[in-house]
Amino acid sequence: MLTLVGERIARLVTIDEDINQTYTYRLLDDGGGLFQLQGDSLTATRTFDFETSDNSPFVIVVESVDQSKPDFKVIGYRYSLHV
């Protein structure tokens, strides 16, 4: 099974007690250039082959910012991905 370039790997969701907020995301660590954000979707920048992969985790860091004044930022969460 393959994950193709540009294919969505994950959808980002922020849970906040403030209702009706919108969020923007920024990738602070892209796993060595292997991932990018398109809106709220984490996508691959290269093809991953599950059958030949060594299944090592990739670490990314995502920032989530809401539209509050001042902005509320969640920074530095590290996610381990197995692709």
PDB file of N, CA and C in Angstrom:
ATOM      1  N   MET A   1       0.849  -1.181   0.000  1.00  0.00           N
ATOM      2  CA  MET A   1       0.000   0.000   0.000  1.00  0.00           C
ATOM      3  C   MET A   1       0.894   1.243   0.000  1.00  0.00           C
ATOM      4  N   LEU A   2       0.508   2.235  -0.771  1.00  0.00           N
ATOM      5  CA  LEU A   2       1.290   3.456  -0.904  1.00  0.00           C
ATOM      6  C   LEU A   2       0.528   4.671  -0.379  1.00  0.00           C
ATOM      7  N   THR A   3       1.277   5.610   0.192  1.00  0.00           N
ATOM      8  CA  THR A   3       0.772   6.949   0.447  1.00  0.00           C
ATOM      9  C   THR A   3       1.444   7.832  -0.590  1.00  0.00           C
ATOM     10  N   LEU A   4       0.653   8.507  -1.405  1.00  0.00           N
ATOM     11  CA  LEU A   4       1.183   9.282  -2.515  1.00  0.00           C
ATOM     12  C   LEU A   4       1.470  10.726  -2.120  1.00  0.00           C
ATOM     13  N   VAL A   5       2.311  11.383  -2.888  1.00  0.00           N
ATOM     14  CA  VAL A   5       2.617  12.799  -2.673  1.00  0.00           C
ATOM     15  C   VAL A   5       1.311  13.593  -2.705  1.00  0.00           C
ATOM     16  N   GLY A   6       1.111  14.433  -1.706  1.00  0.00           N
ATOM     17  CA  GLY A   6      -0.089  15.260  -1.619  1.00  0.00           C
ATOM     18  C   GLY A   6      -1.271  14.584  -0.976  1.00  0.00           C
ATOM     19  N   GLU A   7      -1.168  13.295  -0.689  1.00  0.00           N
ATOM     20  CA  GLU A   7      -2.282  12.571  -0.071  1.00  0.00           C
ATOM     21  C   GLU A   7      -2.418  12.955   1.399  1.00  0.00           C
ATOM     22  N   ARG A   8      -3.675  13.093   1.850  1.00  0.00           N
ATOM     23  CA  ARG A   8      -3.896  13.445   3.258  1.00  0.00           C
ATOM     24  C   ARG A   8      -3.578  12.247   4.138  1.00  0.00           C
ATOM     25  N   ILE A   9      -2.743  12.513   5.136  1.00  0.00           N
ATOM     26  CA  ILE A   9      -2.364  11.509   6.121  1.00  0.00           C
ATOM     27  C   ILE A   9      -3.196  11.677   7.380  1.00  0.00           C
ATOM     28  N   ALA A  10      -3.475  12.937   7.731  1.00  0.00           N
ATOM     29  CA  ALA A  10      -4.242  13.225   8.947  1.00  0.00           C
ATOM     30  C   ALA A  10      -4.979  14.542   8.782  1.00  0.00           C
ATOM     31  N   ARG A  11      -6.081  14.668   9.494  1.00  0.00           N
ATOM     32  CA  ARG A  11      -6.820  15.933   9.582  1.00  0.00           C
ATOM     33  C   ARG A  11      -6.587  16.477  10.976  1.00  0.00           C
ATOM     34  N   LEU A  12      -6.197  17.739  11.069  1.00  0.00           N
ATOM     35  CA  LEU A  12      -5.932  18.372  12.359  1.00  0.00           C
ATOM     36  C   LEU A  12      -7.212  18.956  12.928  1.00  0.00           C
ATOM     37  N   VAL A  13      -7.404  18.748  14.214  1.00  0.00           N
ATOM     38  CA  VAL A  13      -8.586  19.258  14.909  1.00  0.00           C
ATOM     39  C   VAL A  13      -8.120  19.859  16.224  1.00  0.00           C
ATOM     40  N   THR A  14      -8.631  21.044  16.553  1.00  0.00           N
ATOM     41  CA  THR A  14      -8.350  21.678  17.837  1.00  0.00           C
ATOM     42  C   THR A  14      -9.627  21.653  18.657  1.00  0.00           C
ATOM     43  N   ILE A  15      -9.524  21.195  19.894  1.00  0.00           N
ATOM     44  CA  ILE A  15     -10.662  21.173  20.807  1.00  0.00           C
ATOM     45  C   ILE A  15     -10.477  22.322  21.786  1.00  0.00           C
ATOM     46  N   ASP A  16     -11.471  23.202  21.837  1.00  0.00           N
ATOM     47  CA  ASP A  16     -11.381  24.424  22.626  1.00  0.00           C
ATOM     48  C   ASP A  16     -12.740  24.650  23.290  1.00  0.00           C
ATOM     49  N   GLU A  17     -12.721  25.156  24.518  1.00  0.00           N
ATOM     50  CA  GLU A  17     -13.983  25.429  25.212  1.00  0.00           C
ATOM     51  C   GLU A  17     -14.728  26.620  24.619  1.00  0.00           C
ATOM     52  N   ASP A  18     -14.005  27.482  23.876  1.00  0.00           N
ATOM     53  CA  ASP A  18     -14.652  28.601  23.199  1.00  0.00           C
ATOM     54  C   ASP A  18     -15.286  28.075  21.908  1.00  0.00           C
ATOM     55  N   ILE A  19     -16.608  28.190  21.824  1.00  0.00           N
ATOM     56  CA  ILE A  19     -17.286  27.656  20.650  1.00  0.00           C
ATOM     57  C   ILE A  19     -17.190  28.629  19.476  1.00  0.00           C
ATOM     58  N   ASN A  20     -17.431  28.114  18.286  1.00  0.00           N
ATOM     59  CA  ASN A  20     -17.449  28.899  17.049  1.00  0.00           C
ATOM     60  C   ASN A  20     -16.117  29.579  16.740  1.00  0.00           C
ATOM     61  N   GLN A  21     -15.025  28.958  17.131  1.00  0.00           N
ATOM     62  CA  GLN A  21     -13.694  29.470  16.805  1.00  0.00           C
ATOM     63  C   GLN A  21     -13.220  28.806  15.517  1.00  0.00           C
ATOM     64  N   THR A  22     -12.377  29.499  14.786  1.00  0.00           N
ATOM     65  CA  THR A  22     -11.672  28.878  13.673  1.00  0.00           C
ATOM     66  C   THR A  22     -10.194  28.860  14.033  1.00  0.00           C
ATOM     67  N   TYR A  23      -9.465  27.938  13.442  1.00  0.00           N
ATOM     68  CA  TYR A  23      -8.078  27.730  13.808  1.00  0.00           C
ATOM     69  C   TYR A  23      -7.200  27.693  12.567  1.00  0.00           C
ATOM     70  N   THR A  24      -6.014  28.208  12.717  1.00  0.00           N
ATOM     71  CA  THR A  24      -5.012  28.070  11.672  1.00  0.00           C
ATOM     72  C   THR A  24      -3.878  27.226  12.245  1.00  0.00           C
ATOM     73  N   TYR A  25      -3.237  26.495  11.369  1.00  0.00           N
ATOM     74  CA  TYR A  25      -2.175  25.580  11.780  1.00  0.00           C
ATOM     75  C   TYR A  25      -0.885  25.937  11.060  1.00  0.00           C
ATOM     76  N   ARG A  26       0.215  25.708  11.770  1.00  0.00           N
ATOM     77  CA  ARG A  26       1.530  25.926  11.182  1.00  0.00           C
ATOM     78  C   ARG A  26       2.414  24.763  11.607  1.00  0.00           C
ATOM     79  N   LEU A  27       3.160  24.250  10.671  1.00  0.00           N
ATOM     80  CA  LEU A  27       4.055  23.134  10.927  1.00  0.00           C
ATOM     81  C   LEU A  27       5.405  23.693  11.365  1.00  0.00           C
ATOM     82  N   LEU A  28       5.769  23.476  12.627  1.00  0.00           N
ATOM     83  CA  LEU A  28       7.033  23.980  13.166  1.00  0.00           C
ATOM     84  C   LEU A  28       8.172  22.996  12.921  1.00  0.00           C
ATOM     85  N   ASP A  29       7.865  21.724  12.838  1.00  0.00           N
ATOM     86  CA  ASP A  29       8.839  20.686  12.490  1.00  0.00           C
ATOM     87  C   ASP A  29       8.134  19.745  11.526  1.00  0.00           C
ATOM     88  N   ASP A  30       8.628  19.678  10.310  1.00  0.00           N
ATOM     89  CA  ASP A  30       7.942  18.921   9.255  1.00  0.00           C
ATOM     90  C   ASP A  30       8.516  17.522   9.045  1.00  0.00           C
ATOM     91  N   GLY A  31       9.181  16.979  10.063  1.00  0.00           N
ATOM     92  CA  GLY A  31       9.714  15.625   9.952  1.00  0.00           C
ATOM     93  C   GLY A  31      10.814  15.509   8.921  1.00  0.00           C
ATOM     94  N   GLY A  32      11.619  16.552   8.796  1.00  0.00           N
ATOM     95  CA  GLY A  32      12.699  16.526   7.825  1.00  0.00           C
ATOM     96  C   GLY A  32      12.239  16.785   6.400  1.00  0.00           C
ATOM     97  N   GLY A  33      11.160  17.550   6.257  1.00  0.00           N
ATOM     98  CA  GLY A  33      10.656  17.893   4.926  1.00  0.00           C
ATOM     99  C   GLY A  33       9.717  16.866   4.331  1.00  0.00           C
ATOM    100  N   LEU A  34       9.284  15.888   5.126  1.00  0.00           N
ATOM    101  CA  LEU A  34       8.442  14.807   4.619  1.00  0.00           C
ATOM    102  C   LEU A  34       6.956  15.135   4.608  1.00  0.00           C
ATOM    103  N   PHE A  35       6.562  16.196   5.344  1.00  0.00           N
ATOM    104  CA  PHE A  35       5.149  16.518   5.485  1.00  0.00           C
ATOM    105  C   PHE A  35       4.923  18.006   5.260  1.00  0.00           C
ATOM    106  N   GLN A  36       3.696  18.352   4.886  1.00  0.00           N
ATOM    107  CA  GLN A  36       3.301  19.754   4.757  1.00  0.00           C
ATOM    108  C   GLN A  36       1.845  19.873   5.175  1.00  0.00           C
ATOM    109  N   LEU A  37       1.426  21.107   5.424  1.00  0.00           N
ATOM    110  CA  LEU A  37       0.029  21.373   5.764  1.00  0.00           C
ATOM    111  C   LEU A  37      -0.674  22.013   4.583  1.00  0.00           C
ATOM    112  N   GLN A  38      -1.894  21.570   4.355  1.00  0.00           N
ATOM    113  CA  GLN A  38      -2.798  22.197   3.398  1.00  0.00           C
ATOM    114  C   GLN A  38      -4.090  22.431   4.156  1.00  0.00           C
ATOM    115  N   GLY A  39      -4.218  23.653   4.705  1.00  0.00           N
ATOM    116  CA  GLY A  39      -5.366  23.935   5.567  1.00  0.00           C
ATOM    117  C   GLY A  39      -5.249  23.134   6.847  1.00  0.00           C
ATOM    118  N   ASP A  40      -6.245  22.276   7.100  1.00  0.00           N
ATOM    119  CA  ASP A  40      -6.213  21.441   8.298  1.00  0.00           C
ATOM    120  C   ASP A  40      -5.785  20.004   7.986  1.00  0.00           C
ATOM    121  N   SER A  41      -5.177  19.800   6.819  1.00  0.00           N
ATOM    122  CA  SER A  41      -4.743  18.459   6.413  1.00  0.00           C
ATOM    123  C   SER A  41      -3.226  18.361   6.415  1.00  0.00           C
ATOM    124  N   LEU A  42      -2.730  17.291   7.022  1.00  0.00           N
ATOM    125  CA  LEU A  42      -1.318  16.957   6.957  1.00  0.00           C
ATOM    126  C   LEU A  42      -1.134  16.046   5.756  1.00  0.00           C
ATOM    127  N   THR A  43      -0.265  16.440   4.830  1.00  0.00           N
ATOM    128  CA  THR A  43      -0.071  15.674   3.604  1.00  0.00           C
ATOM    129  C   THR A  43       1.396  15.265   3.453  1.00  0.00           C
ATOM    130  N   ALA A  44       1.618  14.264   2.617  1.00  0.00           N
ATOM    131  CA  ALA A  44       2.952  13.738   2.356  1.00  0.00           C
ATOM    132  C   ALA A  44       3.621  14.535   1.243  1.00  0.00           C
ATOM    133  N   THR A  45       4.925  14.753   1.378  1.00  0.00           N
ATOM    134  CA  THR A  45       5.688  15.401   0.305  1.00  0.00           C
ATOM    135  C   THR A  45       6.460  14.377  -0.521  1.00  0.00           C
ATOM    136  N   ARG A  46       6.363  13.116  -0.134  1.00  0.00           N
ATOM    137  CA  ARG A  46       6.958  12.029  -0.919  1.00  0.00           C
ATOM    138  C   ARG A  46       6.068  10.800  -0.784  1.00  0.00           C
ATOM    139  N   THR A  47       6.330   9.801  -1.570  1.00  0.00           N
ATOM    140  CA  THR A  47       5.582   8.548  -1.506  1.00  0.00           C
ATOM    141  C   THR A  47       6.124   7.685  -0.374  1.00  0.00           C
ATOM    142  N   PHE A  48       5.224   7.099   0.409  1.00  0.00           N
ATOM    143  CA  PHE A  48       5.581   6.147   1.456  1.00  0.00           C
ATOM    144  C   PHE A  48       5.047   4.782   1.041  1.00  0.00           C
ATOM    145  N   ASP A  49       5.867   3.766   1.152  1.00  0.00           N
ATOM    146  CA  ASP A  49       5.480   2.402   0.803  1.00  0.00           C
ATOM    147  C   ASP A  49       5.420   1.585   2.087  1.00  0.00           C
ATOM    148  N   PHE A  50       4.220   1.219   2.499  1.00  0.00           N
ATOM    149  CA  PHE A  50       4.043   0.492   3.756  1.00  0.00           C
ATOM    150  C   PHE A  50       4.694  -0.886   3.739  1.00  0.00           C
ATOM    151  N   GLU A  51       4.803  -1.477   2.567  1.00  0.00           N
ATOM    152  CA  GLU A  51       5.347  -2.834   2.468  1.00  0.00           C
ATOM    153  C   GLU A  51       6.863  -2.863   2.598  1.00  0.00           C
ATOM    154  N   THR A  52       7.539  -1.793   2.222  1.00  0.00           N
ATOM    155  CA  THR A  52       9.000  -1.779   2.306  1.00  0.00           C
ATOM    156  C   THR A  52       9.513  -0.859   3.406  1.00  0.00           C
ATOM    157  N   SER A  53       8.637  -0.131   4.061  1.00  0.00           N
ATOM    158  CA  SER A  53       9.030   0.796   5.122  1.00  0.00           C
ATOM    159  C   SER A  53       9.493   0.030   6.352  1.00  0.00           C
ATOM    160  N   ASP A  54      10.438   0.614   7.091  1.00  0.00           N
ATOM    161  CA  ASP A  54      10.869  -0.010   8.348  1.00  0.00           C
ATOM    162  C   ASP A  54       9.952   0.373   9.509  1.00  0.00           C
ATOM    163  N   ASN A  55       8.901   1.146   9.207  1.00  0.00           N
ATOM    164  CA  ASN A  55       7.875   1.539  10.188  1.00  0.00           C
ATOM    165  C   ASN A  55       8.431   2.411  11.306  1.00  0.00           C
ATOM    166  N   SER A  56       9.528   3.125  11.047  1.00  0.00           N
ATOM    167  CA  SER A  56      10.063   4.058  12.034  1.00  0.00           C
ATOM    168  C   SER A  56       9.127   5.254  12.154  1.00  0.00           C
ATOM    169  N   PRO A  57       8.955   5.784  13.361  1.00  0.00           N
ATOM    170  CA  PRO A  57       8.074   6.946  13.518  1.00  0.00           C
ATOM    171  C   PRO A  57       8.729   8.221  12.988  1.00  0.00           C
ATOM    172  N   PHE A  58       7.917   9.125  12.479  1.00  0.00           N
ATOM    173  CA  PHE A  58       8.337  10.460  12.080  1.00  0.00           C
ATOM    174  C   PHE A  58       7.749  11.421  13.096  1.00  0.00           C
ATOM    175  N   VAL A  59       8.534  12.403  13.529  1.00  0.00           N
ATOM    176  CA  VAL A  59       8.061  13.354  14.531  1.00  0.00           C
ATOM    177  C   VAL A  59       7.805  14.692  13.857  1.00  0.00           C
ATOM    178  N   ILE A  60       6.614  15.256  14.121  1.00  0.00           N
ATOM    179  CA  ILE A  60       6.269  16.593  13.643  1.00  0.00           C
ATOM    180  C   ILE A  60       5.818  17.432  14.833  1.00  0.00           C
ATOM    181  N   VAL A  61       5.892  18.747  14.670  1.00  0.00           N
ATOM    182  CA  VAL A  61       5.400  19.680  15.689  1.00  0.00           C
ATOM    183  C   VAL A  61       4.464  20.657  14.986  1.00  0.00           C
ATOM    184  N   VAL A  62       3.258  20.815  15.557  1.00  0.00           N
ATOM    185  CA  VAL A  62       2.227  21.660  14.952  1.00  0.00           C
ATOM    186  C   VAL A  62       1.828  22.753  15.932  1.00  0.00           C
ATOM    187  N   GLU A  63       1.625  23.965  15.402  1.00  0.00           N
ATOM    188  CA  GLU A  63       1.098  25.082  16.178  1.00  0.00           C
ATOM    189  C   GLU A  63      -0.350  25.303  15.752  1.00  0.00           C
ATOM    190  N   SER A  64      -1.237  25.473  16.722  1.00  0.00           N
ATOM    191  CA  SER A  64      -2.643  25.780  16.463  1.00  0.00           C
ATOM    192  C   SER A  64      -2.948  27.144  17.065  1.00  0.00           C
ATOM    193  N   VAL A  65      -3.521  28.042  16.259  1.00  0.00           N
ATOM    194  CA  VAL A  65      -3.822  29.400  16.711  1.00  0.00           C
ATOM    195  C   VAL A  65      -5.294  29.688  16.443  1.00  0.00           C
ATOM    196  N   ASP A  66      -5.987  30.216  17.460  1.00  0.00           N
ATOM    197  CA  ASP A  66      -7.382  30.605  17.248  1.00  0.00           C
ATOM    198  C   ASP A  66      -7.464  32.103  16.963  1.00  0.00           C
ATOM    199  N   GLN A  67      -8.687  32.615  16.807  1.00  0.00           N
ATOM    200  CA  GLN A  67      -8.845  34.017  16.437  1.00  0.00           C
ATOM    201  C   GLN A  67      -9.139  34.921  17.627  1.00  0.00           C
ATOM    202  N   SER A  68      -8.903  34.446  18.839  1.00  0.00           N
ATOM    203  CA  SER A  68      -9.134  35.265  20.033  1.00  0.00           C
ATOM    204  C   SER A  68      -8.188  36.452  20.048  1.00  0.00           C
ATOM    205  N   LYS A  69      -8.534  37.439  20.816  1.00  0.00           N
ATOM    206  CA  LYS A  69      -7.668  38.596  21.031  1.00  0.00           C
ATOM    207  C   LYS A  69      -7.327  38.638  22.511  1.00  0.00           C
ATOM    208  N   PRO A  70      -6.104  38.407  22.917  1.00  0.00           N
ATOM    209  CA  PRO A  70      -4.970  38.029  22.078  1.00  0.00           C
ATOM    210  C   PRO A  70      -5.108  36.586  21.590  1.00  0.00           C
ATOM    211  N   ASP A  71      -4.350  36.269  20.553  1.00  0.00           N
ATOM    212  CA  ASP A  71      -4.377  34.915  20.002  1.00  0.00           C
ATOM    213  C   ASP A  71      -4.018  33.899  21.075  1.00  0.00           C
ATOM    214  N   PHE A  72      -4.709  32.778  21.028  1.00  0.00           N
ATOM    215  CA  PHE A  72      -4.355  31.654  21.885  1.00  0.00           C
ATOM    216  C   PHE A  72      -3.590  30.663  21.028  1.00  0.00           C
ATOM    217  N   LYS A  73      -2.376  30.358  21.441  1.00  0.00           N
ATOM    218  CA  LYS A  73      -1.536  29.456  20.654  1.00  0.00           C
ATOM    219  C   LYS A  73      -1.234  28.201  21.455  1.00  0.00           C
ATOM    220  N   VAL A  74      -1.319  27.092  20.794  1.00  0.00           N
ATOM    221  CA  VAL A  74      -0.849  25.826  21.333  1.00  0.00           C
ATOM    222  C   VAL A  74       0.356  25.456  20.485  1.00  0.00           C
ATOM    223  N   ILE A  75       1.515  25.438  21.109  1.00  0.00           N
ATOM    224  CA  ILE A  75       2.754  25.218  20.367  1.00  0.00           C
ATOM    225  C   ILE A  75       3.515  24.047  20.983  1.00  0.00           C
ATOM    226  N   GLY A  76       4.189  23.332  20.131  1.00  0.00           N
ATOM    227  CA  GLY A  76       5.168  22.380  20.612  1.00  0.00           C
ATOM    228  C   GLY A  76       4.661  20.984  20.870  1.00  0.00           C
ATOM    229  N   TYR A  77       3.432  20.699  20.501  1.00  0.00           N
ATOM    230  CA  TYR A  77       3.002  19.320  20.630  1.00  0.00           C
ATOM    231  C   TYR A  77       3.734  18.492  19.599  1.00  0.00           C
ATOM    232  N   ARG A  78       4.327  17.409  20.040  1.00  0.00           N
ATOM    233  CA  ARG A  78       5.081  16.525  19.156  1.00  0.00           C
ATOM    234  C   ARG A  78       4.212  15.308  18.869  1.00  0.00           C
ATOM    235  N   TYR A  79       4.087  14.996  17.626  1.00  0.00           N
ATOM    236  CA  TYR A  79       3.304  13.845  17.197  1.00  0.00           C
ATOM    237  C   TYR A  79       4.215  12.848  16.520  1.00  0.00           C
ATOM    238  N   SER A  80       4.116  11.607  16.920  1.00  0.00           N
ATOM    239  CA  SER A  80       4.874  10.544  16.258  1.00  0.00           C
ATOM    240  C   SER A  80       3.946   9.886  15.243  1.00  0.00           C
ATOM    241  N   LEU A  81       4.372   9.862  13.999  1.00  0.00           N
ATOM    242  CA  LEU A  81       3.576   9.276  12.917  1.00  0.00           C
ATOM    243  C   LEU A  81       4.232   8.010  12.423  1.00  0.00           C
ATOM    244  N   HIS A  82       3.439   7.007  12.217  1.00  0.00           N
ATOM    245  CA  HIS A  82       3.895   5.784  11.558  1.00  0.00           C
ATOM    246  C   HIS A  82       3.190   5.757  10.203  1.00  0.00           C
ATOM    247  N   VAL A  83       3.953   5.947   9.143  1.00  0.00           N
ATOM    248  CA  VAL A  83       3.391   6.018   7.801  1.00  0.00           C
ATOM    249  C   VAL A  83       3.830   4.791   7.034  1.00  0.00           C
TER     250      VAL A  83
END
